[in-house]
Amino acid sequence: MASEVSKQRLEALSDGIYAVALTILVLDLKLPSQSFGGDEGAFLNALEGLLPNLLTWLLSFWVLSIYWLAQVKLYRLTKDVDHAMVRFAFGELALISLLPFSTSLIGEHGDHVAAAAIYSLNLVGISALSLLRTTHVLNRTELHENQILSSYKVALSIGVWTRLWCASATFALAFFYPGWNMLAMLLPTILVPFLLKRRRLT
């Protein structure tokens, strides 16, 4: 059953929340509110202290970009949205809006297991809802703009499953390598093209 919310309005809301989340991420990149005078060494030390926050900003910006691009590809296939899609979208957007907070946690306290686990769970939640929404769309032909090629369905499925596996890996690794665990989210950019190429060869 079609939702009262149109596809265009849902896309606009999603784009807006992604844009705000991507922008808020950078707010943690700030030097201490103090005057360094002419002390170049103190200034450079302060910049060096920003490195953990800079790395987490870069990773989270990259991760959000991957999720947004996946969403764009999915909506391109649909002509309409139903109630289930709206629920999945709102759940995912809620967790997207939370990511700047979990990013600041791991940026400031990345060596703490709790901070790393919270960040990881945030990613697991986003990935799980993305998987549910993608699976729902692929299984509902009445929502499709045109017939979806089976190869494209496979590509979308591999993408969402890989992101969920990697997000789950960050959670498992949080208890052993807090802070470094989040690097597992770089793997989708390597694994997805590899898995797609391997499938074409077999």
C-alpha atoms as a PDB file:
ATOM      1  CA  MET A   1       0.000   0.000   0.000  1.00  0.00           C
ATOM      2  CA  ALA A   2       1.376   3.405  -0.999  1.00  0.00           C
ATOM      3  CA  SER A   3       2.257   5.773   1.796  1.00  0.00           C
ATOM      4  CA  GLU A   4       0.757   9.236   2.288  1.00  0.00           C
ATOM      5  CA  VAL A   5       4.361  10.488   2.044  1.00  0.00           C
ATOM      6  CA  SER A   6       5.549  10.846  -1.533  1.00  0.00           C
ATOM      7  CA  LYS A   7       8.859   9.484  -2.706  1.00  0.00           C
ATOM      8  CA  GLN A   8      10.066  12.999  -3.515  1.00  0.00           C
ATOM      9  CA  ARG A   9       9.334  14.341  -0.028  1.00  0.00           C
ATOM     10  CA  LEU A  10      11.025  11.366   1.615  1.00  0.00           C
ATOM     11  CA  GLU A  11      14.083  11.819  -0.606  1.00  0.00           C
ATOM     12  CA  ALA A  12      14.200  15.535   0.215  1.00  0.00           C
ATOM     13  CA  LEU A  13      13.994  14.834   3.956  1.00  0.00           C
ATOM     14  CA  SER A  14      16.687  12.169   3.703  1.00  0.00           C
ATOM     15  CA  ASP A  15      19.010  14.423   1.719  1.00  0.00           C
ATOM     16  CA  GLY A  16      18.521  17.203   4.257  1.00  0.00           C
ATOM     17  CA  ILE A  17      19.332  14.995   7.243  1.00  0.00           C
ATOM     18  CA  TYR A  18      22.379  13.537   5.523  1.00  0.00           C
ATOM     19  CA  ALA A  19      23.574  17.052   4.659  1.00  0.00           C
ATOM     20  CA  VAL A  20      23.152  18.253   8.249  1.00  0.00           C
ATOM     21  CA  ALA A  21      24.876  15.174   9.688  1.00  0.00           C
ATOM     22  CA  LEU A  22      27.801  15.535   7.266  1.00  0.00           C
ATOM     23  CA  THR A  23      28.142  19.202   8.227  1.00  0.00           C
ATOM     24  CA  ILE A  24      27.887  18.663  11.991  1.00  0.00           C
ATOM     25  CA  LEU A  25      30.720  16.124  11.861  1.00  0.00           C
ATOM     26  CA  VAL A  26      33.224  18.915  11.263  1.00  0.00           C
ATOM     27  CA  LEU A  27      32.254  20.827  14.425  1.00  0.00           C
ATOM     28  CA  ASP A  28      34.562  18.644  16.526  1.00  0.00           C
ATOM     29  CA  LEU A  29      37.554  19.890  14.551  1.00  0.00           C
ATOM     30  CA  LYS A  30      38.466  22.889  16.656  1.00  0.00           C
ATOM     31  CA  LEU A  31      41.558  23.998  18.559  1.00  0.00           C
ATOM     32  CA  PRO A  32      41.445  24.727  22.291  1.00  0.00           C
ATOM     33  CA  SER A  33      40.176  28.236  23.031  1.00  0.00           C
ATOM     34  CA  GLN A  34      43.501  29.681  24.075  1.00  0.00           C
ATOM     35  CA  SER A  35      46.029  32.126  22.719  1.00  0.00           C
ATOM     36  CA  PHE A  36      49.264  30.600  21.483  1.00  0.00           C
ATOM     37  CA  GLY A  37      50.983  33.924  21.059  1.00  0.00           C
ATOM     38  CA  GLY A  38      54.150  33.391  19.070  1.00  0.00           C
ATOM     39  CA  ASP A  39      54.685  29.853  20.354  1.00  0.00           C
ATOM     40  CA  GLU A  40      54.758  27.913  17.107  1.00  0.00           C
ATOM     41  CA  GLY A  41      55.540  24.656  18.924  1.00  0.00           C
ATOM     42  CA  ALA A  42      52.450  24.882  21.143  1.00  0.00           C
ATOM     43  CA  PHE A  43      50.305  25.627  18.100  1.00  0.00           C
ATOM     44  CA  LEU A  44      51.669  22.633  16.208  1.00  0.00           C
ATOM     45  CA  ASN A  45      51.124  20.411  19.263  1.00  0.00           C
ATOM     46  CA  ALA A  46      47.504  21.572  19.401  1.00  0.00           C
ATOM     47  CA  LEU A  47      47.088  20.733  15.724  1.00  0.00           C
ATOM     48  CA  GLU A  48      48.613  17.318  16.345  1.00  0.00           C
ATOM     49  CA  GLY A  49      46.116  16.774  19.137  1.00  0.00           C
ATOM     50  CA  LEU A  50      43.333  17.185  16.571  1.00  0.00           C
ATOM     51  CA  LEU A  51      44.562  14.178  14.592  1.00  0.00           C
ATOM     52  CA  PRO A  52      42.229  11.571  16.230  1.00  0.00           C
ATOM     53  CA  ASN A  53      39.225  13.831  15.607  1.00  0.00           C
ATOM     54  CA  LEU A  54      40.360  14.455  12.042  1.00  0.00           C
ATOM     55  CA  LEU A  55      40.629  10.736  11.319  1.00  0.00           C
ATOM     56  CA  THR A  56      37.205   9.965  12.795  1.00  0.00           C
ATOM     57  CA  TRP A  57      35.695  12.883  10.864  1.00  0.00           C
ATOM     58  CA  LEU A  58      37.201  11.566   7.631  1.00  0.00           C
ATOM     59  CA  LEU A  59      36.008   8.015   8.246  1.00  0.00           C
ATOM     60  CA  SER A  60      32.488   9.018   9.293  1.00  0.00           C
ATOM     61  CA  PHE A  61      32.197  11.409   6.336  1.00  0.00           C
ATOM     62  CA  TRP A  62      33.232   8.560   4.035  1.00  0.00           C
ATOM     63  CA  VAL A  63      30.840   6.092   5.679  1.00  0.00           C
ATOM     64  CA  LEU A  64      27.896   8.510   5.478  1.00  0.00           C
ATOM     65  CA  SER A  65      28.706   9.146   1.824  1.00  0.00           C
ATOM     66  CA  ILE A  66      28.581   5.404   1.121  1.00  0.00           C
ATOM     67  CA  TYR A  67      25.168   5.060   2.808  1.00  0.00           C
ATOM     68  CA  TRP A  68      23.805   8.098   1.005  1.00  0.00           C
ATOM     69  CA  LEU A  69      24.981   6.834  -2.384  1.00  0.00           C
ATOM     70  CA  ALA A  70      23.394   3.438  -1.682  1.00  0.00           C
ATOM     71  CA  GLN A  71      20.130   5.191  -0.842  1.00  0.00           C
ATOM     72  CA  VAL A  72      20.251   7.231  -4.063  1.00  0.00           C
ATOM     73  CA  LYS A  73      20.732   4.055  -6.116  1.00  0.00           C
ATOM     74  CA  LEU A  74      17.797   2.392  -4.353  1.00  0.00           C
ATOM     75  CA  TYR A  75      15.374   5.304  -4.760  1.00  0.00           C
ATOM     76  CA  ARG A  76      16.312   5.542  -8.440  1.00  0.00           C
ATOM     77  CA  LEU A  77      14.689   2.130  -8.903  1.00  0.00           C
ATOM     78  CA  THR A  78      11.390   3.012  -7.231  1.00  0.00           C
ATOM     79  CA  LYS A  79       8.355   4.862  -8.487  1.00  0.00           C
ATOM     80  CA  ASP A  80       6.650   5.070  -5.105  1.00  0.00           C
ATOM     81  CA  VAL A  81       7.166   4.308  -1.410  1.00  0.00           C
ATOM     82  CA  ASP A  82       4.976   2.326   0.958  1.00  0.00           C
ATOM     83  CA  HIS A  83       4.518   2.412   4.731  1.00  0.00           C
ATOM     84  CA  ALA A  84       7.301  -0.091   5.390  1.00  0.00           C
ATOM     85  CA  MET A  85       9.794   1.944   3.375  1.00  0.00           C
ATOM     86  CA  VAL A  86       8.888   5.070   5.309  1.00  0.00           C
ATOM     87  CA  ARG A  87       9.366   3.276   8.637  1.00  0.00           C
ATOM     88  CA  PHE A  88      12.734   1.883   7.580  1.00  0.00           C
ATOM     89  CA  ALA A  89      13.778   5.299   6.275  1.00  0.00           C
ATOM     90  CA  PHE A  90      12.850   7.103   9.503  1.00  0.00           C
ATOM     91  CA  GLY A  91      14.664   4.526  11.600  1.00  0.00           C
ATOM     92  CA  GLU A  92      17.774   4.837   9.458  1.00  0.00           C
ATOM     93  CA  LEU A  93      17.618   8.647   9.463  1.00  0.00           C
ATOM     94  CA  ALA A  94      17.332   8.685  13.253  1.00  0.00           C
ATOM     95  CA  LEU A  95      20.577   6.720  13.465  1.00  0.00           C
ATOM     96  CA  ILE A  96      22.198   8.904  10.801  1.00  0.00           C
ATOM     97  CA  SER A  97      21.415  11.985  12.884  1.00  0.00           C
ATOM     98  CA  LEU A  98      23.031  10.237  15.868  1.00  0.00           C
ATOM     99  CA  LEU A  99      26.297   9.498  14.058  1.00  0.00           C
ATOM    100  CA  PRO A 100      27.923  12.914  14.762  1.00  0.00           C
ATOM    101  CA  PHE A 101      27.501  12.196  18.488  1.00  0.00           C
ATOM    102  CA  SER A 102      28.988   8.704  18.305  1.00  0.00           C
ATOM    103  CA  THR A 103      31.766  10.072  16.089  1.00  0.00           C
ATOM    104  CA  SER A 104      32.644  12.688  18.708  1.00  0.00           C
ATOM    105  CA  LEU A 105      32.705   9.941  21.351  1.00  0.00           C
ATOM    106  CA  ILE A 106      35.230   7.852  19.496  1.00  0.00           C
ATOM    107  CA  GLY A 107      37.193  10.936  18.487  1.00  0.00           C
ATOM    108  CA  GLU A 108      37.632  12.063  22.073  1.00  0.00           C
ATOM    109  CA  HIS A 109      37.602   8.690  23.841  1.00  0.00           C
ATOM    110  CA  GLY A 110      38.547   6.196  21.139  1.00  0.00           C
ATOM    111  CA  ASP A 111      40.639   4.123  23.538  1.00  0.00           C
ATOM    112  CA  HIS A 112      37.555   3.295  25.628  1.00  0.00           C
ATOM    113  CA  VAL A 113      35.667   0.124  24.738  1.00  0.00           C
ATOM    114  CA  ALA A 114      32.288   1.722  25.488  1.00  0.00           C
ATOM    115  CA  ALA A 115      32.897   4.606  23.058  1.00  0.00           C
ATOM    116  CA  ALA A 116      34.058   2.237  20.305  1.00  0.00           C
ATOM    117  CA  ALA A 117      31.088  -0.081  20.929  1.00  0.00           C
ATOM    118  CA  ILE A 118      28.553   2.769  20.798  1.00  0.00           C
ATOM    119  CA  TYR A 119      29.983   4.002  17.498  1.00  0.00           C
ATOM    120  CA  SER A 120      29.935   0.465  16.122  1.00  0.00           C
ATOM    121  CA  LEU A 121      26.354  -0.190  17.215  1.00  0.00           C
ATOM    122  CA  ASN A 122      25.335   3.035  15.504  1.00  0.00           C
ATOM    123  CA  LEU A 123      26.817   1.692  12.257  1.00  0.00           C
ATOM    124  CA  VAL A 124      25.271  -1.752  12.760  1.00  0.00           C
ATOM    125  CA  GLY A 125      21.832  -0.172  13.197  1.00  0.00           C
ATOM    126  CA  ILE A 126      22.173   1.941  10.056  1.00  0.00           C
ATOM    127  CA  SER A 127      23.419  -1.052   8.067  1.00  0.00           C
ATOM    128  CA  ALA A 128      20.659  -3.351   9.317  1.00  0.00           C
ATOM    129  CA  LEU A 129      17.898  -0.891   8.432  1.00  0.00           C
ATOM    130  CA  SER A 130      19.502  -0.263   5.051  1.00  0.00           C
ATOM    131  CA  LEU A 131      19.476  -4.013   4.441  1.00  0.00           C
ATOM    132  CA  LEU A 132      15.815  -4.326   5.466  1.00  0.00           C
ATOM    133  CA  ARG A 133      14.766  -1.449   3.236  1.00  0.00           C
ATOM    134  CA  THR A 134      16.749  -2.701   0.243  1.00  0.00           C
ATOM    135  CA  THR A 135      15.402  -6.249   0.626  1.00  0.00           C
ATOM    136  CA  HIS A 136      11.869  -4.889   0.959  1.00  0.00           C
ATOM    137  CA  VAL A 137      12.159  -2.840  -2.226  1.00  0.00           C
ATOM    138  CA  LEU A 138      13.702  -5.654  -4.254  1.00  0.00           C
ATOM    139  CA  ASN A 139      10.895  -8.009  -3.192  1.00  0.00           C
ATOM    140  CA  ARG A 140       8.048  -5.577  -4.001  1.00  0.00           C
ATOM    141  CA  THR A 141       7.728  -5.383  -7.779  1.00  0.00           C
ATOM    142  CA  GLU A 142       4.812  -2.949  -7.466  1.00  0.00           C
ATOM    143  CA  LEU A 143       7.267  -0.341  -6.162  1.00  0.00           C
ATOM    144  CA  HIS A 144       9.661  -0.671  -9.096  1.00  0.00           C
ATOM    145  CA  GLU A 145       9.929   2.061 -11.705  1.00  0.00           C
ATOM    146  CA  ASN A 146      10.980  -0.525 -14.301  1.00  0.00           C
ATOM    147  CA  GLN A 147      12.058  -4.138 -14.248  1.00  0.00           C
ATOM    148  CA  ILE A 148      15.269  -4.431 -12.255  1.00  0.00           C
ATOM    149  CA  LEU A 149      18.018  -6.507 -13.814  1.00  0.00           C
ATOM    150  CA  SER A 150      19.044  -9.491 -11.742  1.00  0.00           C
ATOM    151  CA  SER A 151      22.680  -8.369 -11.915  1.00  0.00           C
ATOM    152  CA  TYR A 152      21.698  -5.029 -10.383  1.00  0.00           C
ATOM    153  CA  LYS A 153      19.760  -6.788  -7.633  1.00  0.00           C
ATOM    154  CA  VAL A 154      22.829  -8.866  -6.853  1.00  0.00           C
ATOM    155  CA  ALA A 155      25.019  -5.757  -6.740  1.00  0.00           C
ATOM    156  CA  LEU A 156      22.666  -4.010  -4.310  1.00  0.00           C
ATOM    157  CA  SER A 157      22.397  -7.107  -2.116  1.00  0.00           C
ATOM    158  CA  ILE A 158      26.151  -7.581  -1.983  1.00  0.00           C
ATOM    159  CA  GLY A 159      26.566  -3.931  -1.037  1.00  0.00           C
ATOM    160  CA  VAL A 160      24.113  -3.922   1.875  1.00  0.00           C
ATOM    161  CA  TRP A 161      25.264  -7.290   3.225  1.00  0.00           C
ATOM    162  CA  THR A 162      28.928  -6.280   3.043  1.00  0.00           C
ATOM    163  CA  ARG A 163      28.266  -3.044   4.930  1.00  0.00           C
ATOM    164  CA  LEU A 164      26.400  -4.976   7.616  1.00  0.00           C
ATOM    165  CA  TRP A 165      29.212  -7.544   7.955  1.00  0.00           C
ATOM    166  CA  CYS A 166      31.844  -4.824   8.216  1.00  0.00           C
ATOM    167  CA  ALA A 167      29.798  -2.837  10.735  1.00  0.00           C
ATOM    168  CA  SER A 168      29.360  -5.994  12.808  1.00  0.00           C
ATOM    169  CA  ALA A 169      33.125  -6.539  12.587  1.00  0.00           C
ATOM    170  CA  THR A 170      33.714  -3.063  14.037  1.00  0.00           C
ATOM    171  CA  PHE A 171      31.531  -4.008  17.002  1.00  0.00           C
ATOM    172  CA  ALA A 172      33.366  -7.284  17.629  1.00  0.00           C
ATOM    173  CA  LEU A 173      36.753  -5.592  17.286  1.00  0.00           C
ATOM    174  CA  ALA A 174      35.723  -2.778  19.649  1.00  0.00           C
ATOM    175  CA  PHE A 175      36.331  -5.094  22.601  1.00  0.00           C
ATOM    176  CA  PHE A 176      39.880  -5.880  21.486  1.00  0.00           C
ATOM    177  CA  TYR A 177      41.079  -2.862  19.475  1.00  0.00           C
ATOM    178  CA  PRO A 178      38.981   0.155  20.537  1.00  0.00           C
ATOM    179  CA  GLY A 179      39.548   3.081  18.233  1.00  0.00           C
ATOM    180  CA  TRP A 180      41.209   1.016  15.529  1.00  0.00           C
ATOM    181  CA  ASN A 181      38.104  -1.148  15.158  1.00  0.00           C
ATOM    182  CA  MET A 182      36.384   1.476  13.011  1.00  0.00           C
ATOM    183  CA  LEU A 183      38.887   0.925  10.201  1.00  0.00           C
ATOM    184  CA  ALA A 184      36.884  -2.195   9.315  1.00  0.00           C
ATOM    185  CA  MET A 185      34.396   0.179   7.659  1.00  0.00           C
ATOM    186  CA  LEU A 186      36.964   0.888   4.959  1.00  0.00           C
ATOM    187  CA  LEU A 187      36.610  -2.698   3.756  1.00  0.00           C
ATOM    188  CA  PRO A 188      33.318  -2.282   1.811  1.00  0.00           C
ATOM    189  CA  THR A 189      35.096  -0.122  -0.774  1.00  0.00           C
ATOM    190  CA  ILE A 190      37.496  -3.028  -1.341  1.00  0.00           C
ATOM    191  CA  LEU A 191      35.222  -6.015  -0.843  1.00  0.00           C
ATOM    192  CA  VAL A 192      32.193  -4.941  -2.889  1.00  0.00           C
ATOM    193  CA  PRO A 193      34.082  -4.447  -6.196  1.00  0.00           C
ATOM    194  CA  PHE A 194      36.042  -7.674  -5.537  1.00  0.00           C
ATOM    195  CA  LEU A 195      32.890  -9.714  -4.864  1.00  0.00           C
ATOM    196  CA  LEU A 196      31.119  -8.292  -7.911  1.00  0.00           C
ATOM    197  CA  LYS A 197      34.092  -9.006 -10.142  1.00  0.00           C
ATOM    198  CA  ARG A 198      34.402 -12.520  -8.725  1.00  0.00           C
ATOM    199  CA  ARG A 199      30.721 -13.184  -9.384  1.00  0.00           C
ATOM    200  CA  ARG A 200      31.049 -12.060 -13.005  1.00  0.00           C
ATOM    201  CA  LEU A 201      33.952 -14.429 -13.475  1.00  0.00           C
ATOM    202  CA  THR A 202      32.095 -17.460 -12.112  1.00  0.00           C
END
